[in-house]
Amino acid sequence: QSCLSRQQLLAAIRQMQQLLKGQETRFSEGLRAVRSRLSTIHASLAKAAPEPPAAACPALQAPAGGKKFGTKYLVDHEVHFACDPGFHLLGSSTRMCQANGSWTGQEARCAEISECSSSSCQNGGTCLEGLNHFRCLCPPQWTGTTCQYQAQTALPAWSVRDDPAFSRQPRCAQIAQTQQCSCDPGFHMSGTASNGICQDLNECEVYQQHGGPRLCAHACVNTPGSFHCSCPAGYILMGDGKSCEDIDECSLSQDNCTSGSTCINTGGGFQCVTPQCPPAAGNVSYVKTSPFRSCRQAPKTISFHYLPLPSNLQTPAPLFRMAAAAAPGRPGPDSLRFGIAGGNERGHFVVQRSDRHTGELLLLQSLRGPRTIHVELDMAEYLDRAFQAKHLSKITLFVSAYEF
């Protein structure tokens, strides 16, 4: 008895059909209105004046005696400067283009370094300056590159007289009523012909005093009649008898790194490292994708890199390259931005592009070891001007105490 009759059901269905038809008509009219409005906006924008070009700053030139890194002069772009060997930088090493079309900082200039001011002559010597070198004119009784040694008219200072191994009797022969005496190679005659003795010649000091070629890469050890070279701990002497080669303790399993850490070979030794991902904060946490290389927390990744360097490496020197790679089936970024995000010696480095998708970290100032330097290089990816991902490379430089 409570059910609708057949006629009542048909009447209800007809009412629903009419209601849907009215809704469809109003929806179509709304779509036509939106389409018309979009067409009007598009036409007005197309007729509008083009956007002014992005603000730029005047072009900067490399200073005389130096180099410039950076070729873009748009707002927020940086240009870096470094001086050639023998010059030091005056002004700003980094300048950034501002929105008002001017550069930050001061004009970069390279001034020649006075060799005499840093390497003055001793004992009354007169310094003569040349290109990247100096020469001392020494007064009588003084010699050496900086007049640091007293000239000897008798027995040379480099002879060893107390040790019997460093002095020998000469070989003498009577020739035509005259006695002729001579010494073995590596010794020289000291005294008169009647009571002369053969004294060892210290080749290490002789070559150092008279500006001869460097006998040894590290240390020269004088021996009776000769010399030999030695290397510091962690190095072995090479076949030429003068050069030193680093011992790779890691590949030879001579390290004491514990389980869970990784051995990094460095000049004269090794380092045990244990890269750690940043701790979780709130709902953000990183996942270690390998025991040594990197951490991931989309859209950001962190990778760890360790580079051994010799002391006083000649600059500018490329140290590290960072590039973007597209995943299979996904378009790669159409724009990249590189920068130095942190570190304890940021002023020694600069980032420049080596191509459209690669950034390069350059060392601009020599580093004297031993020391450990940290620098962080980041790369941001953009697609159609929309941020996609960020990659951070944490780079650790182990600078050796030696230049080999």
Protein backbone atom coordinates (compact mmCIF):
# COMPACT_ATOMS: atom_id res chain seq x y z
CA GLN A 1 0.00 0.00 0.00
CA SER A 2 2.97 2.38 0.63
CA CYS A 3 4.53 1.79 -2.85
CA LEU A 4 4.05 4.33 -5.68
CA SER A 5 1.80 3.35 -8.52
CA ARG A 6 3.03 2.91 -12.05
CA GLN A 7 1.62 6.29 -13.11
CA GLN A 8 3.24 8.03 -10.16
CA LEU A 9 6.67 6.49 -11.04
CA LEU A 10 6.41 7.61 -14.66
CA ALA A 11 5.53 11.16 -13.53
CA ALA A 12 8.56 11.26 -11.17
CA ILE A 13 10.94 10.06 -13.92
CA ARG A 14 9.64 12.72 -16.34
CA GLN A 15 10.25 15.41 -13.71
CA MET A 16 13.86 14.18 -13.21
CA GLN A 17 14.49 14.21 -16.96
CA GLN A 18 13.25 17.79 -17.26
CA LEU A 19 15.41 18.83 -14.28
CA LEU A 20 18.56 17.26 -15.80
CA LYS A 21 17.84 18.88 -19.16
CA GLY A 22 17.60 22.30 -17.48
CA GLN A 23 20.87 21.68 -15.58
CA GLU A 24 22.61 20.63 -18.80
CA THR A 25 21.47 23.79 -20.53
CA ARG A 26 22.71 26.02 -17.71
CA PHE A 27 26.06 24.15 -17.59
CA SER A 28 26.53 24.60 -21.35
CA GLU A 29 25.75 28.29 -21.05
CA GLY A 30 28.32 28.59 -18.21
CA LEU A 31 31.01 26.89 -20.32
CA ARG A 32 30.28 29.22 -23.25
CA ALA A 33 30.59 32.23 -20.93
CA VAL A 34 33.95 31.03 -19.53
CA ARG A 35 35.26 30.29 -23.05
CA SER A 36 34.18 33.73 -24.23
CA ARG A 37 35.88 35.39 -21.24
CA LEU A 38 39.14 33.49 -21.85
CA SER A 39 39.10 34.50 -25.52
CA THR A 40 38.66 38.16 -24.53
CA ILE A 41 41.59 37.98 -22.04
CA HIS A 42 43.80 36.21 -24.59
CA ALA A 43 43.06 38.85 -27.24
CA SER A 44 43.81 41.72 -24.85
CA LEU A 45 47.10 40.14 -23.74
CA ALA A 46 48.15 39.47 -27.33
CA LYS A 47 47.61 43.16 -28.19
CA ALA A 48 49.43 44.38 -25.09
CA ALA A 49 52.99 45.69 -25.34
CA PRO A 50 55.69 42.99 -25.05
CA GLU A 51 57.34 42.52 -21.67
CA PRO A 52 60.52 44.52 -21.24
CA PRO A 53 63.71 42.45 -21.39
CA ALA A 54 65.18 41.25 -18.12
CA ALA A 55 67.33 43.87 -16.40
CA ALA A 56 71.05 43.52 -17.01
CA CYS A 57 74.27 45.11 -15.79
CA PRO A 58 77.17 46.50 -17.86
CA ALA A 59 79.67 43.92 -19.12
CA LEU A 60 82.72 43.34 -16.91
CA GLN A 61 86.22 42.68 -18.24
CA ALA A 62 88.94 40.46 -16.85
CA PRO A 63 91.57 42.48 -14.96
CA ALA A 64 95.05 42.77 -16.42
CA GLY A 65 97.07 39.90 -15.00
CA GLY A 66 93.97 37.91 -14.08
CA LYS A 67 90.90 35.96 -15.24
CA LYS A 68 87.11 36.42 -15.16
CA PHE A 69 84.65 33.57 -14.55
CA GLY A 70 81.06 34.11 -15.63
CA THR A 71 79.54 35.41 -18.88
CA LYS A 72 75.96 36.35 -17.90
CA TYR A 73 75.18 39.87 -16.72
CA LEU A 74 71.48 39.44 -15.78
CA VAL A 75 70.02 40.22 -12.36
CA ASP A 76 71.19 37.86 -9.57
CA HIS A 77 74.00 36.43 -11.74
CA GLU A 78 77.52 36.43 -10.31
CA VAL A 79 80.92 37.08 -11.91
CA HIS A 80 84.13 35.94 -10.22
CA PHE A 81 87.74 37.12 -10.58
CA ALA A 82 91.14 35.55 -9.88
CA CYS A 83 94.72 36.74 -10.46
CA ASP A 84 97.54 34.97 -12.25
CA PRO A 85 100.60 33.71 -10.32
CA GLY A 86 102.77 36.65 -9.27
CA PHE A 87 99.74 38.94 -8.72
CA HIS A 88 97.31 39.49 -5.85
CA LEU A 89 93.69 40.63 -6.08
CA LEU A 90 92.54 44.12 -5.12
CA GLY A 91 88.81 44.83 -4.99
CA SER A 92 86.02 42.22 -4.95
CA SER A 93 86.59 38.62 -5.97
CA THR A 94 82.82 38.16 -6.55
CA ARG A 95 80.31 40.71 -7.90
CA MET A 96 76.54 40.21 -8.37
CA CYS A 97 74.20 42.04 -10.77
CA GLN A 98 71.50 43.96 -8.88
CA ALA A 99 67.96 44.82 -9.97
CA ASN A 100 68.93 48.48 -10.46
CA GLY A 101 71.47 47.52 -13.15
CA SER A 102 74.61 48.00 -11.02
CA TRP A 103 77.16 45.52 -9.70
CA THR A 104 77.88 44.87 -6.04
CA GLY A 105 81.41 45.22 -4.70
CA GLN A 106 84.42 47.07 -6.08
CA GLU A 107 86.26 46.82 -9.39
CA ALA A 108 88.70 43.91 -9.40
CA ARG A 109 92.36 44.70 -10.11
CA CYS A 110 95.47 42.50 -10.06
CA ALA A 111 98.62 44.02 -8.55
CA GLU A 112 102.03 42.49 -9.07
CA ILE A 113 103.49 40.85 -5.98
CA SER A 114 106.84 42.29 -4.93
CA GLU A 115 109.18 39.33 -4.63
CA CYS A 116 111.76 41.39 -2.76
CA SER A 117 109.25 42.43 -0.10
CA SER A 118 108.48 38.80 0.77
CA SER A 119 111.99 37.38 0.23
CA SER A 120 114.42 40.07 1.37
CA CYS A 121 118.15 39.55 1.18
CA GLN A 122 120.12 38.98 4.37
CA ASN A 123 123.47 40.25 5.67
CA GLY A 124 123.48 43.49 3.68
CA GLY A 125 122.55 41.95 0.31
CA THR A 126 120.80 43.99 -2.40
CA CYS A 127 117.60 42.56 -3.89
CA LEU A 128 117.06 42.71 -7.69
CA GLU A 129 113.47 41.97 -8.69
CA GLY A 130 112.46 40.06 -11.85
CA LEU A 131 109.27 38.48 -13.18
CA ASN A 132 108.13 36.05 -10.46
CA HIS A 133 111.65 35.78 -9.06
CA PHE A 134 114.34 37.79 -7.31
CA ARG A 135 118.14 37.77 -7.11
CA CYS A 136 120.42 38.94 -4.31
CA LEU A 137 123.71 40.76 -4.87
CA CYS A 138 125.74 39.66 -1.86
CA PRO A 139 128.58 41.59 -0.21
CA PRO A 140 132.00 39.92 0.09
CA GLN A 141 132.21 36.97 2.51
CA TRP A 142 128.49 36.08 1.98
CA THR A 143 126.82 33.76 -0.53
CA GLY A 144 123.55 31.87 -1.17
CA THR A 145 120.21 32.84 -2.76
CA THR A 146 119.49 35.29 0.09
CA CYS A 147 123.10 35.84 1.23
CA GLN A 148 122.42 33.48 4.14
CA TYR A 149 125.74 31.56 4.02
CA GLN A 150 129.16 32.87 4.93
CA ALA A 151 131.67 32.34 2.11
CA GLN A 152 134.54 30.02 2.95
CA THR A 153 138.12 30.53 1.82
CA ALA A 154 139.42 27.47 3.66
CA LEU A 155 137.63 24.19 4.32
CA PRO A 156 134.00 24.36 2.96
CA ALA A 157 131.16 24.38 5.46
CA TRP A 158 129.59 21.34 3.79
CA SER A 159 132.54 19.02 4.55
CA VAL A 160 132.25 16.58 7.41
CA ARG A 161 135.54 16.47 9.29
CA ASP A 162 134.74 14.59 12.47
CA ASP A 163 133.40 11.32 11.00
CA PRO A 164 136.29 9.21 9.60
CA ALA A 165 133.96 7.80 6.92
CA PHE A 166 133.75 11.28 5.38
CA SER A 167 137.53 11.83 5.12
CA ARG A 168 140.10 9.66 3.32
CA GLN A 169 143.75 9.69 2.53
CA PRO A 170 144.43 10.78 -1.05
CA ARG A 171 145.95 8.50 -3.69
CA CYS A 172 149.45 9.81 -4.43
CA ALA A 173 152.11 8.90 -6.98
CA GLN A 174 155.63 10.16 -7.68
CA ILE A 175 155.80 11.46 -11.24
CA ALA A 176 159.03 13.06 -12.53
CA GLN A 177 160.31 14.20 -9.15
CA THR A 178 156.79 15.54 -8.32
CA GLN A 179 154.17 13.99 -6.07
CA GLN A 180 150.67 13.96 -7.64
CA CYS A 181 147.67 13.28 -5.37
CA SER A 182 143.97 12.78 -6.24
CA CYS A 183 140.69 11.97 -4.48
CA ASP A 184 137.87 9.51 -5.18
CA PRO A 185 134.69 10.82 -6.87
CA GLY A 186 132.53 12.69 -4.35
CA PHE A 187 135.57 13.93 -2.38
CA HIS A 188 137.74 17.01 -2.75
CA MET A 189 141.29 17.81 -1.69
CA SER A 190 141.70 19.95 1.41
CA GLY A 191 144.97 21.36 2.71
CA THR A 192 148.40 21.56 1.09
CA ALA A 193 149.91 18.96 -1.19
CA SER A 194 152.22 17.71 1.56
CA ASN A 195 149.54 17.09 4.20
CA GLY A 196 146.30 17.16 2.19
CA ILE A 197 143.29 15.00 2.95
CA CYS A 198 140.22 14.06 0.87
CA GLN A 199 137.05 15.45 2.40
CA ASP A 200 133.52 14.41 1.45
CA LEU A 201 131.54 16.91 -0.65
CA ASN A 202 127.99 17.39 0.67
CA GLU A 203 126.09 17.39 -2.63
CA CYS A 204 122.81 18.19 -0.89
CA GLU A 205 124.00 21.57 0.42
CA VAL A 206 126.15 22.42 -2.62
CA TYR A 207 123.21 22.13 -5.01
CA GLN A 208 120.96 24.06 -2.64
CA GLN A 209 123.42 26.93 -2.20
CA HIS A 210 124.33 27.36 -5.84
CA GLY A 211 120.82 27.13 -7.29
CA GLY A 212 121.38 23.83 -9.07
CA PRO A 213 118.60 21.39 -10.00
CA ARG A 214 116.65 19.91 -7.11
CA LEU A 215 118.25 16.59 -6.28
CA CYS A 216 115.31 15.09 -4.36
CA ALA A 217 111.55 15.59 -4.30
CA HIS A 218 111.59 15.49 -0.48
CA ALA A 219 114.81 15.02 1.53
CA CYS A 220 118.44 14.65 0.48
CA VAL A 221 120.75 12.55 2.69
CA ASN A 222 124.49 13.01 2.33
CA THR A 223 126.63 9.86 2.32
CA PRO A 224 130.43 9.41 2.05
CA GLY A 225 131.25 10.32 -1.56
CA SER A 226 127.61 10.47 -2.67
CA PHE A 227 124.00 11.07 -1.54
CA HIS A 228 120.59 9.44 -1.63
CA CYS A 229 116.98 10.65 -1.46
CA SER A 230 114.39 9.76 1.14
CA CYS A 231 110.60 10.13 1.28
CA PRO A 232 108.26 10.93 4.19
CA ALA A 233 106.17 8.29 5.92
CA GLY A 234 103.39 7.01 3.68
CA TYR A 235 105.49 7.33 0.50
CA ILE A 236 108.03 5.12 -1.27
CA LEU A 237 110.99 6.17 -3.40
CA MET A 238 110.37 5.67 -7.12
CA GLY A 239 112.70 4.10 -9.64
CA ASP A 240 114.33 7.41 -10.61
CA GLY A 241 115.81 7.61 -7.11
CA LYS A 242 114.43 11.11 -6.40
CA SER A 243 110.60 11.11 -6.74
CA CYS A 244 108.14 9.95 -4.08
CA GLU A 245 105.00 7.89 -4.73
CA ASP A 246 102.08 7.68 -2.33
CA ILE A 247 101.31 4.29 -0.75
CA ASP A 248 97.65 3.36 -1.20
CA GLU A 249 96.94 1.92 2.24
CA CYS A 250 93.28 1.34 1.36
CA SER A 251 93.88 -0.94 -1.66
CA LEU A 252 96.68 -2.75 0.23
CA SER A 253 94.41 -3.32 3.28
CA GLN A 254 96.90 -1.49 5.49
CA ASP A 255 94.22 0.72 7.07
CA ASN A 256 92.57 0.31 10.47
CA CYS A 257 89.08 1.48 9.47
CA THR A 258 86.34 -0.24 11.45
CA SER A 259 83.34 -2.02 9.99
CA GLY A 260 80.78 0.45 8.68
CA SER A 261 83.35 3.09 7.71
CA THR A 262 85.11 3.52 4.36
CA CYS A 263 88.84 4.01 3.75
CA ILE A 264 89.85 7.02 1.63
CA ASN A 265 93.46 7.10 0.44
CA THR A 266 95.17 10.48 0.94
CA GLY A 267 98.66 11.84 0.33
CA GLY A 268 100.91 10.03 2.81
CA GLY A 269 98.09 8.30 4.68
CA PHE A 270 94.38 7.51 4.75
CA GLN A 271 91.12 8.66 6.30
CA CYS A 272 88.23 6.57 7.64
CA VAL A 273 84.90 8.21 6.77
CA THR A 274 81.31 7.37 7.68
CA PRO A 275 78.85 9.52 5.71
CA GLN A 276 75.61 10.18 7.59
CA CYS A 277 72.26 11.37 6.23
CA PRO A 278 70.66 14.37 7.96
CA PRO A 279 68.48 13.36 10.94
CA ALA A 280 64.71 13.23 10.53
CA ALA A 281 62.90 16.48 11.25
CA GLY A 282 59.11 16.47 11.55
CA ASN A 283 57.64 14.50 8.66
CA VAL A 284 60.85 14.83 6.57
CA SER A 285 63.38 12.02 6.60
CA TYR A 286 66.16 10.83 4.29
CA VAL A 287 66.74 7.31 3.01
CA LYS A 288 70.34 6.14 2.51
CA THR A 289 70.42 4.77 -1.04
CA SER A 290 73.92 3.28 -0.68
CA PRO A 291 76.29 2.70 2.24
CA PHE A 292 78.68 5.37 1.01
CA ARG A 293 77.39 7.55 -1.79
CA SER A 294 74.11 9.34 -1.18
CA CYS A 295 70.86 10.03 0.68
CA ARG A 296 67.46 10.72 -0.87
CA GLN A 297 64.35 12.57 0.24
CA ALA A 298 62.38 13.55 -2.84
CA PRO A 299 62.77 16.03 -4.38
CA LYS A 300 66.23 16.40 -2.81
CA THR A 301 69.33 14.18 -2.80
CA ILE A 302 72.64 14.47 -0.96
CA SER A 303 75.85 12.80 -2.15
CA PHE A 304 79.27 12.57 -0.48
CA HIS A 305 82.62 12.92 -2.27
CA TYR A 306 86.21 12.77 -0.97
CA LEU A 307 89.15 14.22 -2.92
CA PRO A 308 92.87 14.03 -1.95
CA LEU A 309 94.92 17.06 -3.10
CA PRO A 310 98.65 17.89 -2.99
CA SER A 311 99.75 21.00 -1.15
CA ASN A 312 100.01 24.25 -3.16
CA LEU A 313 98.19 22.92 -6.22
CA GLN A 314 98.58 25.30 -9.17
CA THR A 315 95.38 27.30 -9.74
CA PRO A 316 92.85 27.71 -11.26
CA ALA A 317 92.25 23.96 -11.04
CA PRO A 318 89.00 22.08 -11.83
CA LEU A 319 88.10 19.79 -8.93
CA PHE A 320 84.56 18.47 -9.42
CA ARG A 321 81.79 18.37 -12.06
CA MET A 322 78.07 18.12 -11.40
CA ALA A 323 75.57 17.28 -14.17
CA ALA A 324 71.87 16.48 -14.59
CA ALA A 325 70.64 13.14 -15.94
CA ALA A 326 67.04 12.45 -17.05
CA ALA A 327 65.32 9.29 -15.86
CA PRO A 328 64.16 6.89 -18.64
CA GLY A 329 60.82 7.97 -20.01
CA ARG A 330 60.89 11.35 -18.27
CA PRO A 331 61.92 14.70 -19.75
CA GLY A 332 65.09 16.17 -18.29
CA PRO A 333 65.30 19.69 -16.83
CA ASP A 334 65.47 22.60 -19.26
CA SER A 335 67.23 24.88 -16.77
CA LEU A 336 69.85 24.33 -14.08
CA ARG A 337 71.19 26.60 -11.37
CA PHE A 338 74.50 25.91 -9.61
CA GLY A 339 75.88 27.47 -6.46
CA ILE A 340 78.14 27.00 -3.45
CA ALA A 341 75.83 26.27 -0.54
CA GLY A 342 78.32 26.08 2.31
CA GLY A 343 81.78 25.10 3.55
CA ASN A 344 84.61 26.35 5.74
CA GLU A 345 86.72 27.93 2.95
CA ARG A 346 84.12 29.18 0.43
CA GLY A 347 86.31 32.06 -0.75
CA HIS A 348 88.77 29.64 -2.34
CA PHE A 349 86.22 28.26 -4.84
CA VAL A 350 83.93 29.33 -7.68
CA VAL A 351 81.34 27.51 -9.80
CA GLN A 352 81.16 27.95 -13.57
CA ARG A 353 79.27 26.14 -16.32
CA SER A 354 81.30 23.85 -18.56
CA ASP A 355 78.25 23.20 -20.78
CA ARG A 356 74.44 23.62 -20.69
CA HIS A 357 73.87 20.76 -18.24
CA THR A 358 77.16 20.67 -16.30
CA GLY A 359 78.58 22.84 -13.51
CA GLU A 360 82.26 22.79 -12.56
CA LEU A 361 83.84 23.58 -9.17
CA LEU A 362 87.14 25.47 -9.57
CA LEU A 363 89.87 26.05 -6.99
CA LEU A 364 91.01 29.68 -7.31
CA GLN A 365 93.47 29.98 -4.42
CA SER A 366 96.18 27.46 -3.56
CA LEU A 367 95.75 25.47 -0.35
CA ARG A 368 98.75 24.68 1.83
CA GLY A 369 98.47 21.42 3.78
CA PRO A 370 98.03 19.53 5.85
CA ARG A 371 94.39 20.55 6.28
CA THR A 372 90.85 19.35 5.60
CA ILE A 373 88.46 21.56 3.60
CA HIS A 374 84.68 21.15 3.26
CA VAL A 375 82.62 22.69 0.45
CA GLU A 376 79.00 22.08 -0.57
CA LEU A 377 77.91 22.39 -4.20
CA ASP A 378 74.19 22.43 -5.03
CA MET A 379 72.29 22.07 -8.30
CA ALA A 380 68.61 23.00 -8.72
CA GLU A 381 66.55 21.60 -11.64
CA TYR A 382 63.73 23.54 -13.34
CA LEU A 383 61.28 22.48 -16.05
CA ASP A 384 59.19 25.23 -17.68
CA ARG A 385 60.42 27.54 -14.88
CA ALA A 386 58.92 25.24 -12.24
CA PHE A 387 61.21 23.80 -9.56
CA GLN A 388 61.71 20.05 -9.94
CA ALA A 389 64.52 18.84 -7.68
CA LYS A 390 67.67 19.86 -5.79
CA HIS A 391 70.93 17.92 -5.52
CA LEU A 392 73.60 18.69 -2.89
CA SER A 393 77.17 17.39 -3.19
CA LYS A 394 79.13 17.44 0.09
CA ILE A 395 82.79 17.52 -0.96
CA THR A 396 85.67 16.94 1.47
CA LEU A 397 89.22 17.83 0.36
CA PHE A 398 92.14 16.21 2.16
CA VAL A 399 95.13 18.49 1.43
CA SER A 400 98.49 16.74 1.84
CA ALA A 401 101.46 18.26 3.64
CA TYR A 402 103.59 17.76 0.52
CA GLU A 403 103.51 19.02 -3.07
CA PHE A 404 103.65 15.51 -4.55
